């Protein structure tokens, strides 16, 4: 498995419940394999159109979501949908914002907030969750 943001592949994180979530960087080509049924895109500007249902969360690079309440609602929706369908979370590089969102999904799935960043770094990408404020966002995220 190639971590998101490295090479052309995406990485799939397996949450403790067994839910699978694909993380990827949009600057890379769409990976081979089945398309998701739902995507959450974490970008400063609206993402390019995709063939599946998607949501956009305004989230500038190296920063936090501009609307933390909307972020929570979309992350909860994504977590619920991952129980029944293929989902992906993506930002431009697939590491910082995507890793932060995946860590929040891990918290929703029962991983203690203080352990979620390390969980995502082990299971998805060793460089996930790039900034101190992204790590703090995860530590204060509650299930």
C-alpha atoms as a PDB file:
ATOM      1  CA  UNK A   1       0.000   0.000   0.000  1.00  0.00           C
ATOM      2  CA  UNK A   2       1.373   3.399  -0.964  1.00  0.00           C
ATOM      3  CA  UNK A   3       0.448   6.177   1.495  1.00  0.00           C
ATOM      4  CA  UNK A   4      -1.772   8.927   0.147  1.00  0.00           C
ATOM      5  CA  UNK A   5       0.203  11.723  -1.400  1.00  0.00           C
ATOM      6  CA  UNK A   6       3.075   9.392  -2.333  1.00  0.00           C
ATOM      7  CA  UNK A   7       3.132   7.743  -5.721  1.00  0.00           C
ATOM      8  CA  UNK A   8      -0.081   7.248  -7.658  1.00  0.00           C
ATOM      9  CA  UNK A   9      -1.989   5.096  -5.209  1.00  0.00           C
ATOM     10  CA  UNK A  10      -4.439   5.972  -2.503  1.00  0.00           C
ATOM     11  CA  UNK A  11      -4.482   4.327   0.889  1.00  0.00           C
ATOM     12  CA  UNK A  12      -7.413   2.758   2.675  1.00  0.00           C
ATOM     13  CA  UNK A  13      -7.676   3.179   6.427  1.00  0.00           C
ATOM     14  CA  UNK A  14      -9.412   0.410   8.331  1.00  0.00           C
ATOM     15  CA  UNK A  15     -11.176   1.771  11.400  1.00  0.00           C
ATOM     16  CA  UNK A  16     -11.594  -0.407  14.517  1.00  0.00           C
ATOM     17  CA  UNK A  17     -15.233  -1.140  13.581  1.00  0.00           C
ATOM     18  CA  UNK A  18     -14.105  -2.507  10.223  1.00  0.00           C
ATOM     19  CA  UNK A  19     -15.279   0.535   8.277  1.00  0.00           C
ATOM     20  CA  UNK A  20     -12.983   1.323   5.352  1.00  0.00           C
ATOM     21  CA  UNK A  21     -12.216   4.865   4.212  1.00  0.00           C
ATOM     22  CA  UNK A  22     -10.020   5.708   1.253  1.00  0.00           C
ATOM     23  CA  UNK A  23      -7.823   8.754   1.622  1.00  0.00           C
ATOM     24  CA  UNK A  24      -6.132  10.312  -1.369  1.00  0.00           C
ATOM     25  CA  UNK A  25      -4.562  13.375  -2.855  1.00  0.00           C
ATOM     26  CA  UNK A  26      -6.474  14.986  -5.695  1.00  0.00           C
ATOM     27  CA  UNK A  27      -3.260  16.066  -7.399  1.00  0.00           C
ATOM     28  CA  UNK A  28      -2.731  12.406  -8.314  1.00  0.00           C
ATOM     29  CA  UNK A  29      -4.728  10.455 -10.899  1.00  0.00           C
ATOM     30  CA  UNK A  30      -7.791   8.585  -9.706  1.00  0.00           C
ATOM     31  CA  UNK A  31      -6.554   5.227  -8.399  1.00  0.00           C
ATOM     32  CA  UNK A  32      -7.566   1.969 -10.036  1.00  0.00           C
ATOM     33  CA  UNK A  33     -10.407   0.039  -8.516  1.00  0.00           C
ATOM     34  CA  UNK A  34     -14.020   0.675  -7.657  1.00  0.00           C
ATOM     35  CA  UNK A  35     -15.236   4.247  -7.462  1.00  0.00           C
ATOM     36  CA  UNK A  36     -16.562   5.491  -4.142  1.00  0.00           C
ATOM     37  CA  UNK A  37     -20.252   6.030  -3.574  1.00  0.00           C
ATOM     38  CA  UNK A  38     -19.499   9.159  -1.559  1.00  0.00           C
ATOM     39  CA  UNK A  39     -16.619  11.594  -1.278  1.00  0.00           C
ATOM     40  CA  UNK A  40     -15.742  14.355   1.167  1.00  0.00           C
ATOM     41  CA  UNK A  41     -13.387  16.940  -0.326  1.00  0.00           C
ATOM     42  CA  UNK A  42     -11.383  19.242   1.910  1.00  0.00           C
ATOM     43  CA  UNK A  43     -10.255  22.193  -0.174  1.00  0.00           C
ATOM     44  CA  UNK A  44     -10.089  25.972  -0.162  1.00  0.00           C
ATOM     45  CA  UNK A  45     -12.130  26.113  -3.385  1.00  0.00           C
ATOM     46  CA  UNK A  46     -14.862  23.797  -4.712  1.00  0.00           C
ATOM     47  CA  UNK A  47     -13.467  20.503  -6.054  1.00  0.00           C
ATOM     48  CA  UNK A  48     -13.720  19.360  -9.642  1.00  0.00           C
ATOM     49  CA  UNK A  49     -16.904  17.406 -10.369  1.00  0.00           C
ATOM     50  CA  UNK A  50     -16.958  13.666  -9.703  1.00  0.00           C
ATOM     51  CA  UNK A  51     -19.319  10.932 -10.886  1.00  0.00           C
ATOM     52  CA  UNK A  52     -20.440  10.044  -7.330  1.00  0.00           C
ATOM     53  CA  UNK A  53     -22.197  11.924  -4.567  1.00  0.00           C
ATOM     54  CA  UNK A  54     -19.890  14.317  -2.796  1.00  0.00           C
ATOM     55  CA  UNK A  55     -19.654  17.132  -0.303  1.00  0.00           C
ATOM     56  CA  UNK A  56     -17.178  19.998  -0.137  1.00  0.00           C
ATOM     57  CA  UNK A  57     -15.800  21.375   3.108  1.00  0.00           C
ATOM     58  CA  UNK A  58     -13.925  24.666   2.832  1.00  0.00           C
ATOM     59  CA  UNK A  59     -10.559  23.862   4.398  1.00  0.00           C
ATOM     60  CA  UNK A  60      -7.461  25.841   3.329  1.00  0.00           C
ATOM     61  CA  UNK A  61      -4.162  23.980   3.009  1.00  0.00           C
ATOM     62  CA  UNK A  62      -2.192  23.626   6.277  1.00  0.00           C
ATOM     63  CA  UNK A  63      -5.109  25.127   8.205  1.00  0.00           C
ATOM     64  CA  UNK A  64      -8.364  24.054   9.839  1.00  0.00           C
ATOM     65  CA  UNK A  65     -11.905  23.958   8.449  1.00  0.00           C
ATOM     66  CA  UNK A  66     -13.381  27.426   8.121  1.00  0.00           C
ATOM     67  CA  UNK A  67     -16.594  26.166   9.769  1.00  0.00           C
ATOM     68  CA  UNK A  68     -15.849  23.644  12.543  1.00  0.00           C
ATOM     69  CA  UNK A  69     -19.568  22.859  13.036  1.00  0.00           C
ATOM     70  CA  UNK A  70     -20.038  22.028   9.366  1.00  0.00           C
ATOM     71  CA  UNK A  71     -16.849  19.950   9.551  1.00  0.00           C
ATOM     72  CA  UNK A  72     -18.249  17.929  12.429  1.00  0.00           C
ATOM     73  CA  UNK A  73     -21.559  17.333  10.616  1.00  0.00           C
ATOM     74  CA  UNK A  74     -19.805  16.225   7.423  1.00  0.00           C
ATOM     75  CA  UNK A  75     -17.353  13.979   9.273  1.00  0.00           C
ATOM     76  CA  UNK A  76     -20.200  12.307  11.171  1.00  0.00           C
ATOM     77  CA  UNK A  77     -22.089  11.824   7.885  1.00  0.00           C
ATOM     78  CA  UNK A  78     -18.984  10.332   6.270  1.00  0.00           C
ATOM     79  CA  UNK A  79     -18.421   7.975   9.205  1.00  0.00           C
ATOM     80  CA  UNK A  80     -22.044   6.763   9.068  1.00  0.00           C
ATOM     81  CA  UNK A  81     -21.903   6.268   5.311  1.00  0.00           C
ATOM     82  CA  UNK A  82     -18.667   4.269   5.593  1.00  0.00           C
ATOM     83  CA  UNK A  83     -20.649   1.541   7.361  1.00  0.00           C
ATOM     84  CA  UNK A  84     -22.627   0.809   4.184  1.00  0.00           C
ATOM     85  CA  UNK A  85     -20.801   2.247   1.178  1.00  0.00           C
ATOM     86  CA  UNK A  86     -17.393   3.047  -0.280  1.00  0.00           C
ATOM     87  CA  UNK A  87     -16.270   6.468   0.860  1.00  0.00           C
ATOM     88  CA  UNK A  88     -13.222   8.600   0.278  1.00  0.00           C
ATOM     89  CA  UNK A  89     -11.800  11.688   1.883  1.00  0.00           C
ATOM     90  CA  UNK A  90      -9.414  13.798  -0.130  1.00  0.00           C
ATOM     91  CA  UNK A  91      -7.561  17.079  -0.193  1.00  0.00           C
ATOM     92  CA  UNK A  92      -4.995  18.267  -2.695  1.00  0.00           C
ATOM     93  CA  UNK A  93      -2.011  16.392  -1.235  1.00  0.00           C
ATOM     94  CA  UNK A  94      -3.823  13.691   0.736  1.00  0.00           C
ATOM     95  CA  UNK A  95      -1.772  14.101   3.909  1.00  0.00           C
ATOM     96  CA  UNK A  96      -2.577  17.008   6.268  1.00  0.00           C
ATOM     97  CA  UNK A  97      -6.258  17.776   5.868  1.00  0.00           C
ATOM     98  CA  UNK A  98      -7.119  14.241   4.789  1.00  0.00           C
ATOM     99  CA  UNK A  99      -5.136  12.778   7.696  1.00  0.00           C
ATOM    100  CA  UNK A 100      -6.823  15.153  10.129  1.00  0.00           C
ATOM    101  CA  UNK A 101     -10.279  14.170   8.879  1.00  0.00           C
ATOM    102  CA  UNK A 102      -9.379  10.471   9.041  1.00  0.00           C
ATOM    103  CA  UNK A 103      -8.178  10.934  12.627  1.00  0.00           C
ATOM    104  CA  UNK A 104     -11.523  12.526  13.490  1.00  0.00           C
ATOM    105  CA  UNK A 105     -13.305   9.521  11.951  1.00  0.00           C
ATOM    106  CA  UNK A 106     -11.116   7.295  14.128  1.00  0.00           C
ATOM    107  CA  UNK A 107     -12.338   9.220  17.191  1.00  0.00           C
ATOM    108  CA  UNK A 108     -15.932   8.714  16.070  1.00  0.00           C
ATOM    109  CA  UNK A 109     -15.102   5.019  15.725  1.00  0.00           C
ATOM    110  CA  UNK A 110     -13.865   4.731  19.306  1.00  0.00           C
ATOM    111  CA  UNK A 111     -10.149   5.558  19.144  1.00  0.00           C
ATOM    112  CA  UNK A 112      -9.266   7.915  22.036  1.00  0.00           C
ATOM    113  CA  UNK A 113      -8.687  11.437  20.683  1.00  0.00           C
ATOM    114  CA  UNK A 114      -5.162  11.462  22.137  1.00  0.00           C
ATOM    115  CA  UNK A 115      -4.285   8.326  20.139  1.00  0.00           C
ATOM    116  CA  UNK A 116      -6.070   9.091  16.863  1.00  0.00           C
ATOM    117  CA  UNK A 117      -3.192  10.850  15.078  1.00  0.00           C
ATOM    118  CA  UNK A 118      -0.835   7.950  15.746  1.00  0.00           C
ATOM    119  CA  UNK A 119      -3.546   5.498  14.673  1.00  0.00           C
ATOM    120  CA  UNK A 120      -3.855   7.269  11.307  1.00  0.00           C
ATOM    121  CA  UNK A 121      -0.092   7.570  10.890  1.00  0.00           C
ATOM    122  CA  UNK A 122       0.270   3.812  11.399  1.00  0.00           C
ATOM    123  CA  UNK A 123      -2.690   2.805   9.248  1.00  0.00           C
ATOM    124  CA  UNK A 124      -2.712   5.421   6.512  1.00  0.00           C
ATOM    125  CA  UNK A 125       0.316   7.691   6.141  1.00  0.00           C
ATOM    126  CA  UNK A 126       3.284   8.295   8.458  1.00  0.00           C
ATOM    127  CA  UNK A 127       3.157  12.058   7.763  1.00  0.00           C
ATOM    128  CA  UNK A 128      -0.610  12.483   8.213  1.00  0.00           C
ATOM    129  CA  UNK A 129      -1.868  15.438  10.255  1.00  0.00           C
ATOM    130  CA  UNK A 130       0.857  17.928   9.413  1.00  0.00           C
ATOM    131  CA  UNK A 131       0.486  20.932  11.706  1.00  0.00           C
ATOM    132  CA  UNK A 132       0.247  21.499  15.463  1.00  0.00           C
ATOM    133  CA  UNK A 133      -3.208  23.066  15.068  1.00  0.00           C
ATOM    134  CA  UNK A 134      -4.420  20.044  13.081  1.00  0.00           C
ATOM    135  CA  UNK A 135      -3.193  17.766  15.887  1.00  0.00           C
ATOM    136  CA  UNK A 136      -4.954  20.001  18.431  1.00  0.00           C
ATOM    137  CA  UNK A 137      -8.170  19.863  16.360  1.00  0.00           C
ATOM    138  CA  UNK A 138      -8.101  16.059  16.582  1.00  0.00           C
ATOM    139  CA  UNK A 139      -7.285  16.057  20.331  1.00  0.00           C
ATOM    140  CA  UNK A 140     -10.367  18.229  20.981  1.00  0.00           C
ATOM    141  CA  UNK A 141     -12.661  16.344  18.589  1.00  0.00           C
ATOM    142  CA  UNK A 142     -15.265  14.310  20.474  1.00  0.00           C
ATOM    143  CA  UNK A 143     -17.352  11.321  19.471  1.00  0.00           C
END
